[in-house]
PDB file of N, CA and C in Angstrom:
ATOM      1  N   MET A   1    -154.953 -59.188 -65.375  1.00  0.00           N
ATOM      2  CA  MET A   1    -155.180 -59.653 -63.937  1.00  0.00           C
ATOM      3  C   MET A   1    -153.714 -60.514 -64.165  1.00  0.00           C
ATOM      4  N   LEU A   2    -152.998 -59.809 -62.974  1.00  0.00           N
ATOM      5  CA  LEU A   2    -151.810 -60.309 -63.202  1.00  0.00           C
ATOM      6  C   LEU A   2    -151.464 -60.915 -61.479  1.00  0.00           C
ATOM      7  N   ILE A   3    -151.120 -61.914 -60.925  1.00  0.00           N
ATOM      8  CA  ILE A   3    -150.814 -62.179 -59.964  1.00  0.00           C
ATOM      9  C   ILE A   3    -148.522 -62.371 -59.834  1.00  0.00           C
ATOM     10  N   GLY A   4    -148.251 -61.832 -58.889  1.00  0.00           N
ATOM     11  CA  GLY A   4    -147.125 -61.396 -59.212  1.00  0.00           C
ATOM     12  C   GLY A   4    -146.227 -61.450 -57.327  1.00  0.00           C
ATOM     13  N   ASN A   5    -144.719 -61.091 -57.042  1.00  0.00           N
ATOM     14  CA  ASN A   5    -144.238 -60.836 -56.305  1.00  0.00           C
ATOM     15  C   ASN A   5    -144.030 -59.042 -56.067  1.00  0.00           C
ATOM     16  N   VAL A   6    -143.888 -58.788 -55.662  1.00  0.00           N
ATOM     17  CA  VAL A   6    -143.378 -56.971 -55.725  1.00  0.00           C
ATOM     18  C   VAL A   6    -141.648 -57.307 -55.370  1.00  0.00           C
ATOM     19  N   GLY A   7    -140.879 -56.669 -56.009  1.00  0.00           N
ATOM     20  CA  GLY A   7    -139.758 -56.446 -55.708  1.00  0.00           C
ATOM     21  C   GLY A   7    -138.774 -55.721 -55.528  1.00  0.00           C
ATOM     22  N   GLN A   8    -139.853 -54.520 -54.337  1.00  0.00           N
ATOM     23  CA  GLN A   8    -138.827 -53.739 -53.955  1.00  0.00           C
ATOM     24  C   GLN A   8    -139.853 -52.712 -53.098  1.00  0.00           C
ATOM     25  N   GLU A   9    -139.737 -52.214 -51.944  1.00  0.00           N
ATOM     26  CA  GLU A   9    -140.441 -51.390 -51.099  1.00  0.00           C
ATOM     27  C   GLU A   9    -140.835 -50.741 -52.414  1.00  0.00           C
ATOM     28  N   PRO A  10    -142.065 -50.105 -51.743  1.00  0.00           N
ATOM     29  CA  PRO A  10    -143.545 -49.437 -53.157  1.00  0.00           C
ATOM     30  C   PRO A  10    -143.027 -48.360 -52.337  1.00  0.00           C
ATOM     31  N   GLU A  11    -142.831 -47.173 -53.947  1.00  0.00           N
ATOM     32  CA  GLU A  11    -142.406 -45.996 -53.806  1.00  0.00           C
ATOM     33  C   GLU A  11    -143.957 -45.377 -53.535  1.00  0.00           C
ATOM     34  N   ILE A  12    -144.386 -45.051 -52.216  1.00  0.00           N
ATOM     35  CA  ILE A  12    -145.637 -43.803 -52.085  1.00  0.00           C
ATOM     36  C   ILE A  12    -145.291 -42.322 -52.353  1.00  0.00           C
ATOM     37  N   ARG A  13    -146.117 -41.739 -52.997  1.00  0.00           N
ATOM     38  CA  ARG A  13    -146.429 -39.801 -53.028  1.00  0.00           C
ATOM     39  C   ARG A  13    -148.241 -39.646 -53.230  1.00  0.00           C
ATOM     40  N   TYR A  14    -147.424 -38.039 -52.971  1.00  0.00           N
ATOM     41  CA  TYR A  14    -148.708 -37.383 -52.373  1.00  0.00           C
ATOM     42  C   TYR A  14    -148.966 -36.413 -53.293  1.00  0.00           C
ATOM     43  N   VAL A  15    -149.950 -36.102 -54.748  1.00  0.00           N
ATOM     44  CA  VAL A  15    -149.800 -35.554 -55.724  1.00  0.00           C
ATOM     45  C   VAL A  15    -150.920 -34.043 -55.002  1.00  0.00           C
ATOM     46  N   ASP A  16    -151.597 -34.245 -53.746  1.00  0.00           N
ATOM     47  CA  ASP A  16    -152.148 -33.248 -53.092  1.00  0.00           C
ATOM     48  C   ASP A  16    -152.451 -33.210 -52.065  1.00  0.00           C
ATOM     49  N   SER A  17    -152.516 -33.041 -50.988  1.00  0.00           N
ATOM     50  CA  SER A  17    -152.645 -33.577 -49.329  1.00  0.00           C
ATOM     51  C   SER A  17    -153.159 -34.806 -48.709  1.00  0.00           C
ATOM     52  N   ASP A  18    -154.313 -35.559 -49.793  1.00  0.00           N
ATOM     53  CA  ASP A  18    -154.593 -36.831 -49.418  1.00  0.00           C
ATOM     54  C   ASP A  18    -155.241 -37.411 -50.357  1.00  0.00           C
ATOM     55  N   VAL A  19    -153.880 -37.331 -51.724  1.00  0.00           N
ATOM     56  CA  VAL A  19    -155.005 -38.731 -52.934  1.00  0.00           C
ATOM     57  C   VAL A  19    -152.954 -39.015 -52.761  1.00  0.00           C
ATOM     58  N   ALA A  20    -153.177 -40.358 -52.723  1.00  0.00           N
ATOM     59  CA  ALA A  20    -151.824 -40.725 -52.946  1.00  0.00           C
ATOM     60  C   ALA A  20    -151.949 -41.881 -54.008  1.00  0.00           C
ATOM     61  N   VAL A  21    -150.506 -42.139 -54.176  1.00  0.00           N
ATOM     62  CA  VAL A  21    -150.112 -42.565 -55.591  1.00  0.00           C
ATOM     63  C   VAL A  21    -148.929 -43.883 -55.131  1.00  0.00           C
ATOM     64  N   ALA A  22    -148.798 -44.805 -55.641  1.00  0.00           N
ATOM     65  CA  ALA A  22    -148.112 -45.694 -55.594  1.00  0.00           C
ATOM     66  C   ALA A  22    -147.638 -46.645 -56.701  1.00  0.00           C
ATOM     67  N   ARG A  23    -146.419 -46.760 -55.934  1.00  0.00           N
ATOM     68  CA  ARG A  23    -145.568 -47.045 -57.502  1.00  0.00           C
ATOM     69  C   ARG A  23    -144.887 -48.746 -57.325  1.00  0.00           C
ATOM     70  N   ILE A  24    -145.232 -49.593 -57.577  1.00  0.00           N
ATOM     71  CA  ILE A  24    -144.978 -51.213 -57.155  1.00  0.00           C
ATOM     72  C   ILE A  24    -144.289 -51.292 -58.067  1.00  0.00           C
ATOM     73  N   SER A  25    -143.080 -52.059 -58.677  1.00  0.00           N
ATOM     74  CA  SER A  25    -142.715 -53.479 -59.207  1.00  0.00           C
ATOM     75  C   SER A  25    -143.279 -54.872 -58.838  1.00  0.00           C
ATOM     76  N   LEU A  26    -143.584 -54.792 -60.105  1.00  0.00           N
ATOM     77  CA  LEU A  26    -143.945 -56.751 -59.914  1.00  0.00           C
ATOM     78  C   LEU A  26    -143.331 -57.671 -60.455  1.00  0.00           C
ATOM     79  N   ALA A  27    -143.338 -59.137 -60.066  1.00  0.00           N
ATOM     80  CA  ALA A  27    -142.321 -59.950 -61.045  1.00  0.00           C
ATOM     81  C   ALA A  27    -143.161 -61.046 -61.667  1.00  0.00           C
ATOM     82  N   THR A  28    -143.823 -61.635 -62.447  1.00  0.00           N
ATOM     83  CA  THR A  28    -144.051 -61.859 -62.473  1.00  0.00           C
ATOM     84  C   THR A  28    -143.770 -63.915 -63.279  1.00  0.00           C
ATOM     85  N   SER A  29    -143.896 -65.106 -62.966  1.00  0.00           N
ATOM     86  CA  SER A  29    -142.409 -65.792 -63.690  1.00  0.00           C
ATOM     87  C   SER A  29    -143.597 -66.830 -64.284  1.00  0.00           C
ATOM     88  N   GLU A  30    -142.633 -67.658 -64.785  1.00  0.00           N
ATOM     89  CA  GLU A  30    -144.215 -68.588 -65.642  1.00  0.00           C
ATOM     90  C   GLU A  30    -142.500 -70.137 -65.453  1.00  0.00           C
ATOM     91  N   ARG A  31    -142.937 -71.302 -64.621  1.00  0.00           N
ATOM     92  CA  ARG A  31    -141.422 -72.320 -64.157  1.00  0.00           C
ATOM     93  C   ARG A  31    -141.371 -72.873 -66.045  1.00  0.00           C
ATOM     94  N   GLY A  32    -140.122 -73.021 -65.802  1.00  0.00           N
ATOM     95  CA  GLY A  32    -139.565 -73.527 -66.911  1.00  0.00           C
ATOM     96  C   GLY A  32    -140.299 -74.966 -67.449  1.00  0.00           C
ATOM     97  N   TYR A  33    -139.854 -75.370 -68.711  1.00  0.00           N
ATOM     98  CA  TYR A  33    -140.085 -76.954 -69.091  1.00  0.00           C
ATOM     99  C   TYR A  33    -139.218 -77.744 -70.013  1.00  0.00           C
ATOM    100  N   THR A  34    -139.915 -78.820 -69.525  1.00  0.00           N
ATOM    101  CA  THR A  34    -138.517 -80.038 -71.177  1.00  0.00           C
ATOM    102  C   THR A  34    -139.367 -80.052 -72.314  1.00  0.00           C
ATOM    103  N   LEU A  35    -138.732 -79.907 -73.183  1.00  0.00           N
ATOM    104  CA  LEU A  35    -139.826 -80.406 -74.560  1.00  0.00           C
ATOM    105  C   LEU A  35    -139.482 -82.260 -74.358  1.00  0.00           C
ATOM    106  N   GLN A  36    -140.583 -82.231 -75.655  1.00  0.00           N
ATOM    107  CA  GLN A  36    -140.343 -83.295 -75.645  1.00  0.00           C
ATOM    108  C   GLN A  36    -138.884 -84.465 -76.074  1.00  0.00           C
ATOM    109  N   ASN A  37    -138.699 -83.340 -77.356  1.00  0.00           N
ATOM    110  CA  ASN A  37    -137.343 -84.120 -78.110  1.00  0.00           C
ATOM    111  C   ASN A  37    -135.850 -83.835 -77.441  1.00  0.00           C
ATOM    112  N   GLY A  38    -136.317 -82.679 -75.425  1.00  0.00           N
ATOM    113  CA  GLY A  38    -134.818 -82.864 -74.373  1.00  0.00           C
ATOM    114  C   GLY A  38    -134.405 -81.338 -74.022  1.00  0.00           C
ATOM    115  N   THR A  39    -135.759 -80.446 -75.098  1.00  0.00           N
ATOM    116  CA  THR A  39    -134.766 -79.015 -74.747  1.00  0.00           C
ATOM    117  C   THR A  39    -135.718 -78.579 -73.397  1.00  0.00           C
ATOM    118  N   GLN A  40    -134.046 -78.073 -72.570  1.00  0.00           N
ATOM    119  CA  GLN A  40    -135.185 -77.372 -71.814  1.00  0.00           C
ATOM    120  C   GLN A  40    -135.361 -75.541 -71.995  1.00  0.00           C
ATOM    121  N   VAL A  41    -136.807 -75.023 -71.300  1.00  0.00           N
ATOM    122  CA  VAL A  41    -136.566 -74.486 -71.463  1.00  0.00           C
ATOM    123  C   VAL A  41    -137.185 -73.885 -70.006  1.00  0.00           C
ATOM    124  N   PRO A  42    -135.775 -72.765 -69.412  1.00  0.00           N
ATOM    125  CA  PRO A  42    -135.653 -72.016 -68.357  1.00  0.00           C
ATOM    126  C   PRO A  42    -137.468 -71.197 -68.615  1.00  0.00           C
ATOM    127  N   ASP A  43    -137.023 -70.738 -66.287  1.00  0.00           N
ATOM    128  CA  ASP A  43    -138.066 -70.154 -65.902  1.00  0.00           C
ATOM    129  C   ASP A  43    -137.637 -69.064 -66.350  1.00  0.00           C
ATOM    130  N   ARG A  44    -139.232 -68.153 -66.781  1.00  0.00           N
ATOM    131  CA  ARG A  44    -138.458 -66.284 -67.311  1.00  0.00           C
ATOM    132  C   ARG A  44    -139.414 -65.849 -66.178  1.00  0.00           C
ATOM    133  N   THR A  45    -138.875 -64.771 -65.856  1.00  0.00           N
ATOM    134  CA  THR A  45    -139.550 -64.026 -64.995  1.00  0.00           C
ATOM    135  C   THR A  45    -139.970 -62.160 -65.791  1.00  0.00           C
ATOM    136  N   ASP A  46    -140.315 -61.597 -65.496  1.00  0.00           N
ATOM    137  CA  ASP A  46    -140.956 -60.255 -66.059  1.00  0.00           C
ATOM    138  C   ASP A  46    -141.211 -59.447 -65.310  1.00  0.00           C
ATOM    139  N   TRP A  47    -141.145 -58.193 -65.187  1.00  0.00           N
ATOM    140  CA  TRP A  47    -141.273 -57.199 -64.331  1.00  0.00           C
ATOM    141  C   TRP A  47    -142.364 -56.308 -65.207  1.00  0.00           C
ATOM    142  N   HIS A  48    -142.911 -55.511 -64.526  1.00  0.00           N
ATOM    143  CA  HIS A  48    -144.100 -54.744 -64.138  1.00  0.00           C
ATOM    144  C   HIS A  48    -144.402 -53.870 -63.264  1.00  0.00           C
ATOM    145  N   THR A  49    -144.445 -52.579 -63.883  1.00  0.00           N
ATOM    146  CA  THR A  49    -144.388 -51.464 -63.061  1.00  0.00           C
ATOM    147  C   THR A  49    -146.719 -51.549 -62.741  1.00  0.00           C
ATOM    148  N   VAL A  50    -146.741 -51.384 -61.809  1.00  0.00           N
ATOM    149  CA  VAL A  50    -147.623 -51.011 -61.535  1.00  0.00           C
ATOM    150  C   VAL A  50    -148.352 -49.797 -60.254  1.00  0.00           C
ATOM    151  N   ILE A  51    -148.863 -49.165 -60.839  1.00  0.00           N
ATOM    152  CA  ILE A  51    -148.974 -47.808 -60.395  1.00  0.00           C
ATOM    153  C   ILE A  51    -150.830 -47.940 -59.326  1.00  0.00           C
ATOM    154  N   LEU A  52    -151.074 -47.638 -58.723  1.00  0.00           N
ATOM    155  CA  LEU A  52    -152.235 -47.900 -57.576  1.00  0.00           C
ATOM    156  C   LEU A  52    -152.688 -45.917 -57.001  1.00  0.00           C
ATOM    157  N   TRP A  53    -153.940 -45.792 -57.141  1.00  0.00           N
ATOM    158  CA  TRP A  53    -153.943 -44.521 -56.646  1.00  0.00           C
ATOM    159  C   TRP A  53    -155.310 -44.250 -55.753  1.00  0.00           C
ATOM    160  N   ARG A  54    -155.171 -43.512 -54.713  1.00  0.00           N
ATOM    161  CA  ARG A  54    -156.025 -42.897 -53.565  1.00  0.00           C
ATOM    162  C   ARG A  54    -155.787 -43.803 -51.813  1.00  0.00           C
ATOM    163  N   LYS A  55    -157.266 -44.716 -52.710  1.00  0.00           N
ATOM    164  CA  LYS A  55    -157.123 -45.988 -51.580  1.00  0.00           C
ATOM    165  C   LYS A  55    -156.571 -46.994 -51.518  1.00  0.00           C
ATOM    166  N   LEU A  56    -156.427 -47.489 -52.877  1.00  0.00           N
ATOM    167  CA  LEU A  56    -155.578 -48.433 -52.839  1.00  0.00           C
ATOM    168  C   LEU A  56    -153.410 -48.060 -52.400  1.00  0.00           C
ATOM    169  N   ALA A  57    -153.783 -47.246 -52.407  1.00  0.00           N
ATOM    170  CA  ALA A  57    -152.191 -46.284 -52.666  1.00  0.00           C
ATOM    171  C   ALA A  57    -151.637 -46.283 -51.299  1.00  0.00           C
ATOM    172  N   LYS A  58    -153.241 -45.837 -50.446  1.00  0.00           N
ATOM    173  CA  LYS A  58    -152.616 -45.794 -49.101  1.00  0.00           C
ATOM    174  C   LYS A  58    -152.881 -47.371 -48.725  1.00  0.00           C
ATOM    175  N   ILE A  59    -153.659 -48.113 -48.932  1.00  0.00           N
ATOM    176  CA  ILE A  59    -152.966 -49.488 -48.585  1.00  0.00           C
ATOM    177  C   ILE A  59    -151.731 -50.713 -48.370  1.00  0.00           C
ATOM    178  N   VAL A  60    -151.235 -49.868 -49.601  1.00  0.00           N
ATOM    179  CA  VAL A  60    -150.357 -50.055 -50.122  1.00  0.00           C
ATOM    180  C   VAL A  60    -149.010 -49.562 -49.485  1.00  0.00           C
ATOM    181  N   GLU A  61    -149.222 -47.837 -49.190  1.00  0.00           N
ATOM    182  CA  GLU A  61    -147.811 -48.169 -48.300  1.00  0.00           C
ATOM    183  C   GLU A  61    -148.145 -48.505 -46.455  1.00  0.00           C
ATOM    184  N   GLU A  62    -149.399 -48.982 -46.281  1.00  0.00           N
ATOM    185  CA  GLU A  62    -149.576 -49.668 -44.920  1.00  0.00           C
ATOM    186  C   GLU A  62    -148.980 -51.180 -44.408  1.00  0.00           C
ATOM    187  N   PHE A  63    -149.573 -52.122 -45.891  1.00  0.00           N
ATOM    188  CA  PHE A  63    -149.456 -53.359 -45.946  1.00  0.00           C
ATOM    189  C   PHE A  63    -148.209 -54.476 -46.393  1.00  0.00           C
ATOM    190  N   VAL A  64    -148.357 -53.096 -47.534  1.00  0.00           N
ATOM    191  CA  VAL A  64    -147.869 -54.092 -48.623  1.00  0.00           C
ATOM    192  C   VAL A  64    -145.946 -53.972 -49.212  1.00  0.00           C
ATOM    193  N   HIS A  65    -145.279 -54.520 -48.887  1.00  0.00           N
ATOM    194  CA  HIS A  65    -142.938 -54.191 -48.970  1.00  0.00           C
ATOM    195  C   HIS A  65    -143.030 -55.491 -49.791  1.00  0.00           C
ATOM    196  N   LYS A  66    -141.780 -55.801 -50.148  1.00  0.00           N
ATOM    197  CA  LYS A  66    -141.110 -56.255 -50.871  1.00  0.00           C
ATOM    198  C   LYS A  66    -140.944 -57.702 -50.315  1.00  0.00           C
ATOM    199  N   GLY A  67    -141.569 -58.623 -51.658  1.00  0.00           N
ATOM    200  CA  GLY A  67    -141.480 -60.133 -51.547  1.00  0.00           C
ATOM    201  C   GLY A  67    -142.964 -60.388 -51.078  1.00  0.00           C
ATOM    202  N   ASP A  68    -144.040 -59.206 -51.248  1.00  0.00           N
ATOM    203  CA  ASP A  68    -145.923 -59.812 -51.086  1.00  0.00           C
ATOM    204  C   ASP A  68    -145.651 -60.556 -52.050  1.00  0.00           C
ATOM    205  N   LYS A  69    -146.739 -61.245 -52.140  1.00  0.00           N
ATOM    206  CA  LYS A  69    -147.674 -61.779 -53.182  1.00  0.00           C
ATOM    207  C   LYS A  69    -148.872 -60.884 -53.704  1.00  0.00           C
ATOM    208  N   LEU A  70    -148.910 -60.509 -54.157  1.00  0.00           N
ATOM    209  CA  LEU A  70    -150.154 -59.583 -55.153  1.00  0.00           C
ATOM    210  C   LEU A  70    -150.740 -60.032 -56.106  1.00  0.00           C
ATOM    211  N   TYR A  71    -152.559 -59.499 -56.784  1.00  0.00           N
ATOM    212  CA  TYR A  71    -153.538 -59.940 -57.235  1.00  0.00           C
ATOM    213  C   TYR A  71    -153.598 -58.813 -57.667  1.00  0.00           C
ATOM    214  N   ILE A  72    -153.740 -58.584 -59.162  1.00  0.00           N
ATOM    215  CA  ILE A  72    -153.686 -57.012 -59.201  1.00  0.00           C
ATOM    216  C   ILE A  72    -154.684 -57.364 -60.503  1.00  0.00           C
ATOM    217  N   GLU A  73    -155.500 -56.018 -60.658  1.00  0.00           N
ATOM    218  CA  GLU A  73    -156.809 -56.413 -62.034  1.00  0.00           C
ATOM    219  C   GLU A  73    -156.317 -54.569 -62.258  1.00  0.00           C
ATOM    220  N   GLY A  74    -156.323 -55.048 -63.791  1.00  0.00           N
ATOM    221  CA  GLY A  74    -155.762 -53.307 -64.028  1.00  0.00           C
ATOM    222  C   GLY A  74    -156.087 -53.154 -65.695  1.00  0.00           C
ATOM    223  N   ARG A  75    -155.486 -52.142 -66.141  1.00  0.00           N
ATOM    224  CA  ARG A  75    -155.933 -51.794 -67.083  1.00  0.00           C
ATOM    225  C   ARG A  75    -154.315 -50.899 -67.583  1.00  0.00           C
ATOM    226  N   LEU A  76    -154.165 -51.571 -69.723  1.00  0.00           N
ATOM    227  CA  LEU A  76    -152.690 -51.362 -69.509  1.00  0.00           C
ATOM    228  C   LEU A  76    -152.795 -49.263 -69.778  1.00  0.00           C
ATOM    229  N   ARG A  77    -151.249 -49.182 -69.897  1.00  0.00           N
ATOM    230  CA  ARG A  77    -151.177 -47.408 -69.892  1.00  0.00           C
ATOM    231  C   ARG A  77    -149.761 -47.362 -70.888  1.00  0.00           C
ATOM    232  N   TYR A  78    -149.794 -46.745 -71.804  1.00  0.00           N
ATOM    233  CA  TYR A  78    -148.875 -46.710 -72.289  1.00  0.00           C
ATOM    234  C   TYR A  78    -148.219 -44.971 -71.926  1.00  0.00           C
ATOM    235  N   VAL A  79    -146.497 -45.074 -71.770  1.00  0.00           N
ATOM    236  CA  VAL A  79    -146.372 -43.641 -71.491  1.00  0.00           C
ATOM    237  C   VAL A  79    -144.880 -43.524 -72.218  1.00  0.00           C
ATOM    238  N   SER A  80    -144.532 -42.247 -72.350  1.00  0.00           N
ATOM    239  CA  SER A  80    -143.899 -42.220 -73.321  1.00  0.00           C
ATOM    240  C   SER A  80    -143.047 -40.804 -72.869  1.00  0.00           C
ATOM    241  N   TYR A  81    -141.986 -41.112 -72.786  1.00  0.00           N
ATOM    242  CA  TYR A  81    -140.793 -39.444 -71.474  1.00  0.00           C
ATOM    243  C   TYR A  81    -139.152 -39.408 -72.304  1.00  0.00           C
ATOM    244  N   ASN A  82    -138.814 -38.974 -72.595  1.00  0.00           N
ATOM    245  CA  ASN A  82    -137.351 -38.121 -73.194  1.00  0.00           C
ATOM    246  C   ASN A  82    -136.462 -38.424 -71.956  1.00  0.00           C
ATOM    247  N   ASP A  83    -135.132 -39.423 -71.738  1.00  0.00           N
ATOM    248  CA  ASP A  83    -134.047 -39.782 -71.000  1.00  0.00           C
ATOM    249  C   ASP A  83    -133.722 -38.491 -71.220  1.00  0.00           C
ATOM    250  N   LYS A  84    -132.719 -38.879 -69.710  1.00  0.00           N
ATOM    251  CA  LYS A  84    -131.577 -37.958 -69.721  1.00  0.00           C
ATOM    252  C   LYS A  84    -131.011 -37.302 -70.271  1.00  0.00           C
ATOM    253  N   GLN A  85    -130.492 -38.017 -71.957  1.00  0.00           N
ATOM    254  CA  GLN A  85    -129.402 -37.772 -73.001  1.00  0.00           C
ATOM    255  C   GLN A  85    -130.678 -37.537 -73.572  1.00  0.00           C
ATOM    256  N   GLY A  86    -131.854 -37.568 -73.530  1.00  0.00           N
ATOM    257  CA  GLY A  86    -132.898 -36.449 -74.673  1.00  0.00           C
ATOM    258  C   GLY A  86    -133.517 -37.541 -75.905  1.00  0.00           C
ATOM    259  N   VAL A  87    -133.436 -39.039 -75.121  1.00  0.00           N
ATOM    260  CA  VAL A  87    -133.568 -39.816 -76.237  1.00  0.00           C
ATOM    261  C   VAL A  87    -135.342 -40.546 -75.832  1.00  0.00           C
ATOM    262  N   LYS A  88    -136.076 -40.128 -76.985  1.00  0.00           N
ATOM    263  CA  LYS A  88    -137.813 -40.708 -76.363  1.00  0.00           C
ATOM    264  C   LYS A  88    -137.451 -42.499 -76.132  1.00  0.00           C
ATOM    265  N   ARG A  89    -138.578 -42.666 -74.842  1.00  0.00           N
ATOM    266  CA  ARG A  89    -138.447 -44.171 -73.821  1.00  0.00           C
ATOM    267  C   ARG A  89    -139.759 -43.765 -74.362  1.00  0.00           C
ATOM    268  N   MET A  90    -140.091 -46.116 -74.411  1.00  0.00           N
ATOM    269  CA  MET A  90    -141.567 -45.970 -74.267  1.00  0.00           C
ATOM    270  C   MET A  90    -141.597 -47.287 -72.763  1.00  0.00           C
ATOM    271  N   ALA A  91    -142.670 -47.190 -72.248  1.00  0.00           N
ATOM    272  CA  ALA A  91    -142.561 -47.287 -70.892  1.00  0.00           C
ATOM    273  C   ALA A  91    -144.212 -47.769 -70.835  1.00  0.00           C
ATOM    274  N   THR A  92    -144.782 -49.404 -70.210  1.00  0.00           N
ATOM    275  CA  THR A  92    -145.928 -49.622 -70.077  1.00  0.00           C
ATOM    276  C   THR A  92    -145.878 -50.152 -68.271  1.00  0.00           C
ATOM    277  N   GLU A  93    -147.399 -49.410 -68.513  1.00  0.00           N
ATOM    278  CA  GLU A  93    -147.912 -49.535 -66.554  1.00  0.00           C
ATOM    279  C   GLU A  93    -149.288 -50.094 -66.882  1.00  0.00           C
ATOM    280  N   ILE A  94    -149.128 -50.866 -65.491  1.00  0.00           N
ATOM    281  CA  ILE A  94    -150.574 -51.493 -65.200  1.00  0.00           C
ATOM    282  C   ILE A  94    -150.989 -50.227 -64.242  1.00  0.00           C
ATOM    283  N   TRP A  95    -152.647 -49.735 -64.739  1.00  0.00           N
ATOM    284  CA  TRP A  95    -153.367 -49.063 -63.764  1.00  0.00           C
ATOM    285  C   TRP A  95    -153.754 -49.799 -62.720  1.00  0.00           C
ATOM    286  N   ALA A  96    -153.726 -50.263 -61.921  1.00  0.00           N
ATOM    287  CA  ALA A  96    -154.404 -50.813 -60.842  1.00  0.00           C
ATOM    288  C   ALA A  96    -155.645 -50.019 -60.365  1.00  0.00           C
ATOM    289  N   GLU A  97    -156.691 -51.326 -61.025  1.00  0.00           N
ATOM    290  CA  GLU A  97    -158.321 -50.714 -60.341  1.00  0.00           C
ATOM    291  C   GLU A  97    -158.835 -51.926 -59.467  1.00  0.00           C
ATOM    292  N   ASN A  98    -158.100 -52.840 -59.302  1.00  0.00           N
ATOM    293  CA  ASN A  98    -158.050 -54.024 -57.889  1.00  0.00           C
ATOM    294  C   ASN A  98    -157.155 -54.461 -56.956  1.00  0.00           C
ATOM    295  N   MET A  99    -157.057 -55.181 -56.193  1.00  0.00           N
ATOM    296  CA  MET A  99    -155.619 -55.666 -55.669  1.00  0.00           C
ATOM    297  C   MET A  99    -155.513 -56.552 -54.661  1.00  0.00           C
ATOM    298  N   GLU A 100    -155.579 -57.546 -54.345  1.00  0.00           N
ATOM    299  CA  GLU A 100    -156.000 -58.598 -53.201  1.00  0.00           C
ATOM    300  C   GLU A 100    -154.525 -58.624 -52.606  1.00  0.00           C
ATOM    301  N   MET A 101    -154.136 -58.966 -51.441  1.00  0.00           N
ATOM    302  CA  MET A 101    -153.284 -59.547 -51.056  1.00  0.00           C
ATOM    303  C   MET A 101    -153.388 -60.741 -50.706  1.00  0.00           C
ATOM    304  N   LEU A 102    -152.158 -61.563 -51.870  1.00  0.00           N
ATOM    305  CA  LEU A 102    -151.884 -63.241 -50.918  1.00  0.00           C
ATOM    306  C   LEU A 102    -150.880 -63.581 -50.302  1.00  0.00           C
ATOM    307  N   SER A 103    -150.422 -62.821 -49.466  1.00  0.00           N
ATOM    308  CA  SER A 103    -149.755 -63.645 -48.744  1.00  0.00           C
ATOM    309  C   SER A 103    -150.036 -63.314 -46.976  1.00  0.00           C
ATOM    310  N   PRO A 104    -149.999 -64.483 -46.918  1.00  0.00           N
ATOM    311  CA  PRO A 104    -150.014 -64.384 -45.155  1.00  0.00           C
ATOM    312  C   PRO A 104    -149.694 -63.457 -44.116  1.00  0.00           C
ATOM    313  N   ARG A 105    -150.261 -62.427 -43.847  1.00  0.00           N
ATOM    314  CA  ARG A 105    -150.527 -61.757 -42.533  1.00  0.00           C
ATOM    315  C   ARG A 105    -149.934 -62.405 -41.517  1.00  0.00           C
ATOM    316  N   LYS A 106    -148.593 -61.837 -41.393  1.00  0.00           N
ATOM    317  CA  LYS A 106    -147.694 -61.809 -39.901  1.00  0.00           C
ATOM    318  C   LYS A 106    -148.562 -61.566 -38.654  1.00  0.00           C
ATOM    319  N   SER A 107    -148.930 -62.547 -37.604  1.00  0.00           N
ATOM    320  CA  SER A 107    -149.417 -62.403 -36.332  1.00  0.00           C
ATOM    321  C   SER A 107    -148.306 -60.662 -35.448  1.00  0.00           C
ATOM    322  N   THR A 108    -149.744 -60.853 -34.388  1.00  0.00           N
ATOM    323  CA  THR A 108    -148.821 -59.726 -33.849  1.00  0.00           C
ATOM    324  C   THR A 108    -147.363 -59.992 -33.015  1.00  0.00           C
ATOM    325  N   ASP A 109    -147.467 -61.665 -32.702  1.00  0.00           N
ATOM    326  CA  ASP A 109    -146.945 -62.303 -32.205  1.00  0.00           C
ATOM    327  C   ASP A 109    -145.403 -62.508 -32.638  1.00  0.00           C
ATOM    328  N   GLU A 110    -145.692 -63.127 -34.184  1.00  0.00           N
ATOM    329  CA  GLU A 110    -144.542 -63.558 -34.876  1.00  0.00           C
ATOM    330  C   GLU A 110    -144.201 -62.232 -35.165  1.00  0.00           C
ATOM    331  N   THR A 111    -144.179 -60.883 -35.536  1.00  0.00           N
ATOM    332  CA  THR A 111    -143.880 -59.738 -35.516  1.00  0.00           C
ATOM    333  C   THR A 111    -143.136 -59.897 -34.356  1.00  0.00           C
ATOM    334  N   GLN A 112    -144.019 -59.838 -33.064  1.00  0.00           N
ATOM    335  CA  GLN A 112    -142.783 -59.312 -31.989  1.00  0.00           C
ATOM    336  C   GLN A 112    -141.484 -59.555 -31.316  1.00  0.00           C
ATOM    337  N   MET A 113    -141.472 -60.960 -32.122  1.00  0.00           N
ATOM    338  CA  MET A 113    -140.680 -62.260 -32.121  1.00  0.00           C
ATOM    339  C   MET A 113    -139.473 -61.457 -32.510  1.00  0.00           C
ATOM    340  N   ASN A 114    -139.798 -61.524 -33.395  1.00  0.00           N
ATOM    341  CA  ASN A 114    -138.611 -61.206 -34.930  1.00  0.00           C
ATOM    342  C   ASN A 114    -138.036 -59.600 -34.644  1.00  0.00           C
TER     343      ASN A 114
END
């Protein structure tokens, strides 16, 4: 389970005529704090790649934008690939099984004014 903000516009593609896949970059943050001895621990932001399929991907395509706050439930998926230089790389993705949009929706009046 993650709560975070979308870092860039979602990437949407279709693998079949009607099977959508969305990829989003989600930032989760921990606030910094001060230890009892006065040591400052800075804010920390982690970035996660979230993959959404079918109906969730279509919802993302229509409603999710950079900066939106999302709640994601899913499972970890570990992938490996070779980069352009042929070096083997590992990545961790979250394959979403549930998503809730937490950002307030803009009303049509607000959208028309901007």
